[in-house]
C-alpha atoms as a PDB file:
ATOM      1  CA  MET A   1      -7.196   2.648   7.934  1.00  0.00           C
ATOM      2  CA  ASN A   2      -4.155   0.529   7.757  1.00  0.00           C
ATOM      3  CA  ALA A   3      -2.681  -1.981   5.153  1.00  0.00           C
ATOM      4  CA  LEU A   4      -0.151  -4.740   5.384  1.00  0.00           C
ATOM      5  CA  ILE A   5       2.140  -5.115   2.319  1.00  0.00           C
ATOM      6  CA  LEU A   6       3.628  -8.569   1.800  1.00  0.00           C
ATOM      7  CA  VAL A   7       6.681  -7.956  -0.357  1.00  0.00           C
ATOM      8  CA  ASP A   8       7.795 -10.701  -2.736  1.00  0.00           C
ATOM      9  CA  LEU A   9       7.246 -13.816  -0.512  1.00  0.00           C
ATOM     10  CA  GLN A  10       8.211 -16.164  -3.401  1.00  0.00           C
ATOM     11  CA  ASN A  11      10.041 -19.400  -3.886  1.00  0.00           C
ATOM     12  CA  ASP A  12      13.034 -17.964  -5.620  1.00  0.00           C
ATOM     13  CA  PHE A  13      13.917 -15.739  -2.670  1.00  0.00           C
ATOM     14  CA  VAL A  14      14.243 -18.481   0.034  1.00  0.00           C
ATOM     15  CA  PRO A  15      16.801 -21.158   0.466  1.00  0.00           C
ATOM     16  CA  GLY A  16      16.795 -23.512  -2.532  1.00  0.00           C
ATOM     17  CA  GLY A  17      15.554 -20.717  -4.753  1.00  0.00           C
ATOM     18  CA  ALA A  18      17.447 -19.016  -7.563  1.00  0.00           C
ATOM     19  CA  LEU A  19      18.096 -15.887  -5.612  1.00  0.00           C
ATOM     20  CA  ALA A  20      18.004 -17.237  -2.109  1.00  0.00           C
ATOM     21  CA  VAL A  21      17.914 -14.715   0.817  1.00  0.00           C
ATOM     22  CA  PRO A  22      19.454 -16.197   3.895  1.00  0.00           C
ATOM     23  CA  GLY A  23      16.753 -17.280   6.363  1.00  0.00           C
ATOM     24  CA  GLY A  24      14.071 -15.983   4.025  1.00  0.00           C
ATOM     25  CA  ASP A  25      11.736 -18.913   4.701  1.00  0.00           C
ATOM     26  CA  ALA A  26      11.626 -17.860   8.374  1.00  0.00           C
ATOM     27  CA  VAL A  27       9.369 -14.956   7.650  1.00  0.00           C
ATOM     28  CA  VAL A  28       6.377 -17.216   6.851  1.00  0.00           C
ATOM     29  CA  ALA A  29       5.599 -18.113  10.447  1.00  0.00           C
ATOM     30  CA  VAL A  30       5.911 -14.511  11.581  1.00  0.00           C
ATOM     31  CA  THR A  31       3.673 -13.316   8.572  1.00  0.00           C
ATOM     32  CA  ASN A  32       1.021 -15.906   9.420  1.00  0.00           C
ATOM     33  CA  ARG A  33       0.996 -14.826  13.046  1.00  0.00           C
ATOM     34  CA  LEU A  34       0.505 -11.171  12.083  1.00  0.00           C
ATOM     35  CA  LEU A  35      -2.205 -12.102   9.572  1.00  0.00           C
ATOM     36  CA  ALA A  36      -4.003 -13.836  12.374  1.00  0.00           C
ATOM     37  CA  GLY A  37      -4.146 -10.588  14.320  1.00  0.00           C
ATOM     38  CA  GLY A  38      -1.170 -10.934  16.591  1.00  0.00           C
ATOM     39  CA  ALA A  39       1.668  -8.963  18.134  1.00  0.00           C
ATOM     40  CA  VAL A  40       2.032  -5.634  16.603  1.00  0.00           C
ATOM     41  CA  ARG A  41       0.865  -2.278  17.897  1.00  0.00           C
ATOM     42  CA  ALA A  42      -0.976   0.280  15.960  1.00  0.00           C
ATOM     43  CA  ARG A  43       0.309   3.876  15.779  1.00  0.00           C
ATOM     44  CA  GLY A  44      -0.902   5.737  18.923  1.00  0.00           C
ATOM     45  CA  ALA A  45      -2.324   2.529  20.396  1.00  0.00           C
ATOM     46  CA  SER A  46      -2.117   1.582  24.168  1.00  0.00           C
ATOM     47  CA  PRO A  47       0.781  -0.705  25.108  1.00  0.00           C
ATOM     48  CA  THR A  48      -1.597  -3.739  25.319  1.00  0.00           C
ATOM     49  CA  GLU A  49      -3.570  -3.047  22.142  1.00  0.00           C
ATOM     50  CA  ARG A  50      -2.729  -5.281  19.139  1.00  0.00           C
ATOM     51  CA  LEU A  51      -3.497  -4.495  15.493  1.00  0.00           C
ATOM     52  CA  ARG A  52      -5.700  -6.335  13.148  1.00  0.00           C
ATOM     53  CA  PHE A  53      -4.885  -5.308   9.563  1.00  0.00           C
ATOM     54  CA  ASP A  54      -7.836  -3.700   7.641  1.00  0.00           C
ATOM     55  CA  LEU A  55      -6.352  -4.620   4.344  1.00  0.00           C
ATOM     56  CA  VAL A  56      -3.646  -7.028   3.062  1.00  0.00           C
ATOM     57  CA  VAL A  57      -2.011  -6.876  -0.316  1.00  0.00           C
ATOM     58  CA  SER A  58       1.021  -8.453  -1.848  1.00  0.00           C
ATOM     59  CA  THR A  59       3.667  -7.723  -4.370  1.00  0.00           C
ATOM     60  CA  GLN A  60       5.084 -10.337  -6.796  1.00  0.00           C
ATOM     61  CA  ASP A  61       8.317 -10.219  -8.830  1.00  0.00           C
ATOM     62  CA  TRP A  62       7.093 -11.237 -12.268  1.00  0.00           C
ATOM     63  CA  HIS A  63       9.903 -11.015 -14.826  1.00  0.00           C
ATOM     64  CA  PRO A  64       9.919 -11.983 -18.475  1.00  0.00           C
ATOM     65  CA  ALA A  65      12.803 -14.490 -19.286  1.00  0.00           C
ATOM     66  CA  ASP A  66      14.608 -11.766 -21.291  1.00  0.00           C
ATOM     67  CA  HIS A  67      14.730  -9.243 -18.384  1.00  0.00           C
ATOM     68  CA  LYS A  68      17.747  -6.967 -18.619  1.00  0.00           C
ATOM     69  CA  SER A  69      18.475  -7.328 -14.995  1.00  0.00           C
ATOM     70  CA  PHE A  70      19.527 -10.955 -15.420  1.00  0.00           C
ATOM     71  CA  ALA A  71      23.288 -11.534 -15.739  1.00  0.00           C
ATOM     72  CA  ALA A  72      22.558 -14.373 -18.098  1.00  0.00           C
ATOM     73  CA  ASN A  73      21.192 -11.935 -20.668  1.00  0.00           C
ATOM     74  CA  HIS A  74      24.569  -9.998 -20.736  1.00  0.00           C
ATOM     75  CA  PRO A  75      27.371 -12.271 -22.146  1.00  0.00           C
ATOM     76  CA  GLY A  76      30.486 -11.969 -20.076  1.00  0.00           C
ATOM     77  CA  ARG A  77      28.664 -10.528 -17.079  1.00  0.00           C
ATOM     78  CA  SER A  78      28.140 -12.293 -13.657  1.00  0.00           C
ATOM     79  CA  PRO A  79      25.573 -11.775 -10.866  1.00  0.00           C
ATOM     80  CA  GLY A  80      26.623  -8.852  -8.682  1.00  0.00           C
ATOM     81  CA  ASP A  81      28.093  -6.868 -11.574  1.00  0.00           C
ATOM     82  CA  VAL A  82      26.590  -3.335 -11.900  1.00  0.00           C
ATOM     83  CA  ILE A  83      25.772  -1.953 -15.372  1.00  0.00           C
ATOM     84  CA  ASP A  84      23.976   1.012 -16.787  1.00  0.00           C
ATOM     85  CA  LEU A  85      20.420   0.071 -17.777  1.00  0.00           C
ATOM     86  CA  GLY A  86      18.410   2.789 -19.334  1.00  0.00           C
ATOM     87  CA  GLY A  87      20.412   5.437 -17.490  1.00  0.00           C
ATOM     88  CA  LEU A  88      20.080   3.749 -14.128  1.00  0.00           C
ATOM     89  CA  PRO A  89      22.696   1.706 -12.184  1.00  0.00           C
ATOM     90  CA  GLN A  90      21.602  -1.909 -12.224  1.00  0.00           C
ATOM     91  CA  VAL A  91      22.833  -4.780 -10.203  1.00  0.00           C
ATOM     92  CA  LEU A  92      22.766  -7.919 -12.295  1.00  0.00           C
ATOM     93  CA  TRP A  93      20.998 -10.882 -10.701  1.00  0.00           C
ATOM     94  CA  PRO A  94      20.651 -14.607 -11.317  1.00  0.00           C
ATOM     95  CA  VAL A  95      17.525 -15.458 -13.469  1.00  0.00           C
ATOM     96  CA  HIS A  96      14.685 -15.426 -10.984  1.00  0.00           C
ATOM     97  CA  CYS A  97      10.823 -15.166 -10.649  1.00  0.00           C
ATOM     98  CA  VAL A  98      10.243 -15.768 -14.311  1.00  0.00           C
ATOM     99  CA  GLN A  99       6.587 -15.467 -15.136  1.00  0.00           C
ATOM    100  CA  GLY A 100       4.789 -18.723 -14.829  1.00  0.00           C
ATOM    101  CA  THR A 101       7.614 -20.680 -13.257  1.00  0.00           C
ATOM    102  CA  PRO A 102       7.570 -22.330  -9.849  1.00  0.00           C
ATOM    103  CA  GLY A 103      10.193 -19.874  -8.588  1.00  0.00           C
ATOM    104  CA  ALA A 104       7.737 -16.953  -9.017  1.00  0.00           C
ATOM    105  CA  ASP A 105       5.013 -18.742  -7.030  1.00  0.00           C
ATOM    106  CA  PHE A 106       4.250 -17.588  -3.495  1.00  0.00           C
ATOM    107  CA  LEU A 107       5.802 -19.539  -0.593  1.00  0.00           C
ATOM    108  CA  PRO A 108       4.056 -22.736   0.503  1.00  0.00           C
ATOM    109  CA  GLY A 109       2.501 -22.391   3.960  1.00  0.00           C
ATOM    110  CA  LEU A 110       1.941 -18.657   3.534  1.00  0.00           C
ATOM    111  CA  ASP A 111      -1.607 -17.833   4.525  1.00  0.00           C
ATOM    112  CA  ARG A 112      -2.979 -15.984   1.524  1.00  0.00           C
ATOM    113  CA  SER A 113      -6.578 -16.051   2.491  1.00  0.00           C
ATOM    114  CA  ARG A 114      -6.555 -12.323   3.458  1.00  0.00           C
ATOM    115  CA  VAL A 115      -4.648 -11.131   0.505  1.00  0.00           C
ATOM    116  CA  GLU A 116      -7.146  -8.953  -1.441  1.00  0.00           C
ATOM    117  CA  ARG A 117      -4.936  -8.101  -4.435  1.00  0.00           C
ATOM    118  CA  VAL A 118      -1.583  -8.886  -5.901  1.00  0.00           C
ATOM    119  CA  PHE A 119       0.532  -6.275  -7.628  1.00  0.00           C
ATOM    120  CA  GLN A 120       3.041  -7.571 -10.105  1.00  0.00           C
ATOM    121  CA  LYS A 121       6.296  -5.779 -10.810  1.00  0.00           C
ATOM    122  CA  GLY A 122       9.394  -6.093 -12.938  1.00  0.00           C
ATOM    123  CA  THR A 123       7.352  -6.907 -16.000  1.00  0.00           C
ATOM    124  CA  ASP A 124       9.104  -4.572 -18.333  1.00  0.00           C
ATOM    125  CA  PRO A 125      12.344  -6.236 -19.573  1.00  0.00           C
ATOM    126  CA  ALA A 126      14.046  -2.837 -19.979  1.00  0.00           C
ATOM    127  CA  VAL A 127      13.799  -1.672 -16.288  1.00  0.00           C
ATOM    128  CA  ASP A 128      14.000  -3.398 -12.935  1.00  0.00           C
ATOM    129  CA  SER A 129      11.296  -2.760 -10.305  1.00  0.00           C
ATOM    130  CA  TYR A 130      12.361  -3.184  -6.587  1.00  0.00           C
ATOM    131  CA  SER A 131       9.502  -1.107  -5.229  1.00  0.00           C
ATOM    132  CA  GLY A 132       5.934  -2.363  -5.144  1.00  0.00           C
ATOM    133  CA  PHE A 133       4.798   1.100  -6.191  1.00  0.00           C
ATOM    134  CA  PHE A 134       7.071   2.073  -9.209  1.00  0.00           C
ATOM    135  CA  ASP A 135       9.792   0.822 -11.423  1.00  0.00           C
ATOM    136  CA  ASN A 136      13.289   1.901 -10.501  1.00  0.00           C
ATOM    137  CA  GLY A 137      13.146   4.930 -12.646  1.00  0.00           C
ATOM    138  CA  GLN A 138       9.701   5.863 -11.311  1.00  0.00           C
ATOM    139  CA  ARG A 139       8.492   6.033 -14.842  1.00  0.00           C
ATOM    140  CA  LYS A 140       5.579   3.666 -14.404  1.00  0.00           C
ATOM    141  CA  ALA A 141       3.365   2.886 -11.442  1.00  0.00           C
ATOM    142  CA  THR A 142       2.117  -0.525 -10.477  1.00  0.00           C
ATOM    143  CA  GLY A 143      -1.235   0.856  -9.369  1.00  0.00           C
ATOM    144  CA  LEU A 144      -0.580   0.008  -5.612  1.00  0.00           C
ATOM    145  CA  GLY A 145      -0.406   3.607  -4.436  1.00  0.00           C
ATOM    146  CA  GLU A 146      -3.662   4.553  -6.190  1.00  0.00           C
ATOM    147  CA  TYR A 147      -5.347   1.380  -4.804  1.00  0.00           C
ATOM    148  CA  LEU A 148      -4.359   2.109  -1.194  1.00  0.00           C
ATOM    149  CA  LYS A 149      -5.356   5.682  -1.456  1.00  0.00           C
ATOM    150  CA  GLY A 150      -8.654   4.672  -2.955  1.00  0.00           C
ATOM    151  CA  ARG A 151      -9.347   2.447  -0.027  1.00  0.00           C
ATOM    152  CA  GLY A 152      -8.630   5.293   2.380  1.00  0.00           C
ATOM    153  CA  VAL A 153      -5.314   3.750   3.779  1.00  0.00           C
ATOM    154  CA  THR A 154      -3.198   6.049   5.853  1.00  0.00           C
ATOM    155  CA  ASP A 155      -0.812   3.626   7.577  1.00  0.00           C
ATOM    156  CA  VAL A 156       1.257   1.034   5.723  1.00  0.00           C
ATOM    157  CA  TYR A 157       3.032  -1.854   7.378  1.00  0.00           C
ATOM    158  CA  VAL A 158       5.740  -3.524   5.193  1.00  0.00           C
ATOM    159  CA  LEU A 159       7.457  -6.892   5.488  1.00  0.00           C
ATOM    160  CA  GLY A 160       8.966  -9.429   3.280  1.00  0.00           C
ATOM    161  CA  LEU A 161      12.028 -10.097   0.997  1.00  0.00           C
ATOM    162  CA  ALA A 162      14.560  -8.572   0.739  1.00  0.00           C
ATOM    163  CA  THR A 163      15.101  -5.879   3.355  1.00  0.00           C
ATOM    164  CA  ASP A 164      17.937  -4.082   1.420  1.00  0.00           C
ATOM    165  CA  TYR A 165      16.154  -4.102  -1.974  1.00  0.00           C
ATOM    166  CA  CYS A 166      12.477  -4.587  -2.569  1.00  0.00           C
ATOM    167  CA  VAL A 167      11.329  -3.963   1.057  1.00  0.00           C
ATOM    168  CA  LYS A 168      13.422  -0.855   1.318  1.00  0.00           C
ATOM    169  CA  PHE A 169      12.225   0.779  -1.895  1.00  0.00           C
ATOM    170  CA  THR A 170       8.653  -0.159  -1.251  1.00  0.00           C
ATOM    171  CA  ALA A 171       8.896   1.511   2.159  1.00  0.00           C
ATOM    172  CA  LEU A 172      10.637   4.589   0.811  1.00  0.00           C
ATOM    173  CA  ASP A 173       8.153   5.020  -1.994  1.00  0.00           C
ATOM    174  CA  ALA A 174       5.314   4.671   0.484  1.00  0.00           C
ATOM    175  CA  ILE A 175       6.846   7.571   2.450  1.00  0.00           C
ATOM    176  CA  GLY A 176       7.106   9.585  -0.631  1.00  0.00           C
ATOM    177  CA  LEU A 177       3.449   9.052  -1.344  1.00  0.00           C
ATOM    178  CA  GLY A 178       2.473  10.378   2.019  1.00  0.00           C
ATOM    179  CA  PHE A 179       1.674   7.308   3.946  1.00  0.00           C
ATOM    180  CA  HIS A 180       2.705   6.530   7.609  1.00  0.00           C
ATOM    181  CA  VAL A 181       5.054   3.683   7.071  1.00  0.00           C
ATOM    182  CA  HIS A 182       6.074   0.930   9.530  1.00  0.00           C
ATOM    183  CA  LEU A 183       8.771  -1.684   8.771  1.00  0.00           C
ATOM    184  CA  ILE A 184       8.184  -4.884  10.685  1.00  0.00           C
ATOM    185  CA  GLU A 185      11.879  -5.692  10.944  1.00  0.00           C
ATOM    186  CA  ASP A 186      11.710  -9.280  12.261  1.00  0.00           C
ATOM    187  CA  ALA A 187       9.347 -10.274   9.415  1.00  0.00           C
ATOM    188  CA  CYS A 188      12.037  -9.302   6.797  1.00  0.00           C
ATOM    189  CA  ARG A 189      15.401 -10.799   5.632  1.00  0.00           C
ATOM    190  CA  GLY A 190      18.019  -9.288   3.505  1.00  0.00           C
ATOM    191  CA  VAL A 191      20.428 -10.166   0.720  1.00  0.00           C
ATOM    192  CA  ASN A 192      23.470  -8.463   2.257  1.00  0.00           C
ATOM    193  CA  LEU A 193      25.338  -8.555  -1.017  1.00  0.00           C
ATOM    194  CA  ARG A 194      27.894  -6.499   0.708  1.00  0.00           C
ATOM    195  CA  PRO A 195      28.437  -6.782   4.523  1.00  0.00           C
ATOM    196  CA  GLY A 196      26.306  -4.120   6.192  1.00  0.00           C
ATOM    197  CA  ASP A 197      23.811  -3.635   3.454  1.00  0.00           C
ATOM    198  CA  VAL A 198      20.852  -4.677   5.603  1.00  0.00           C
ATOM    199  CA  ALA A 199      21.788  -2.396   8.532  1.00  0.00           C
ATOM    200  CA  ALA A 200      22.323   0.519   6.090  1.00  0.00           C
ATOM    201  CA  ALA A 201      18.974  -0.134   4.413  1.00  0.00           C
ATOM    202  CA  VAL A 202      17.188  -0.128   7.854  1.00  0.00           C
ATOM    203  CA  GLU A 203      18.916   3.140   8.829  1.00  0.00           C
ATOM    204  CA  ALA A 204      18.014   4.693   5.387  1.00  0.00           C
ATOM    205  CA  MET A 205      14.401   3.828   5.974  1.00  0.00           C
ATOM    206  CA  ARG A 206      14.478   5.208   9.581  1.00  0.00           C
ATOM    207  CA  ALA A 207      16.067   8.393   8.357  1.00  0.00           C
ATOM    208  CA  ALA A 208      13.298   8.981   5.826  1.00  0.00           C
ATOM    209  CA  GLY A 209      10.612   8.595   8.452  1.00  0.00           C
ATOM    210  CA  VAL A 210       9.841   4.889   8.470  1.00  0.00           C
ATOM    211  CA  ALA A 211       8.978   3.590  11.941  1.00  0.00           C
ATOM    212  CA  VAL A 212      11.077   0.441  12.480  1.00  0.00           C
ATOM    213  CA  ILE A 213       9.174  -2.017  14.779  1.00  0.00           C
ATOM    214  CA  ARG A 214       9.120  -5.622  15.643  1.00  0.00           C
ATOM    215  CA  SER A 215       6.148  -8.024  15.693  1.00  0.00           C
ATOM    216  CA  ASP A 216       6.801  -8.794  19.323  1.00  0.00           C
ATOM    217  CA  ALA A 217       6.912  -5.095  20.300  1.00  0.00           C
ATOM    218  CA  GLN A 218       5.518  -4.398  23.802  1.00  0.00           C
END
């Protein structure tokens, strides 16, 4: 059984949002095409066989306003600075995806009719949570791993925002939990805080065993 994970397809991560990912809004059309059953091959399938996802879930950044990953909550600090937060290196971000705000809402135009469950993350103000499975210290699980295993999922397909942060760590944690993981590269966009971050993230995922594919793979 397979599952598609939609990572953080939220208003604050696209142009016009508080933490805009360049080209982030372009993933909606690709995602909707995938949800309709098009243009990606299953592991071990024939060249002409296309995959329909058995299960679709979504992650949602859902921060309290006092989250310690926000530069605004550290006087004298700016977005992009790196601090120690609870023993972990933490990039400071603009205030984004605050619980109950329009920026935390899912993107308009995204077909959510097949999303069976939403897993919220980043809810603890003391630790950030890039991955859809765990916080950054892997001290607390979101329940996504248990949910997928409980449904009999073996193959996970990952897309969304942003390639070099939440997508990357979601894919790596899925590998660590024993899933066969596939990154749908053209359905992702990255922050690229430093030039080359996106390419390095893709290579890190590939090196860990993630299959990097495209939605138009033949």
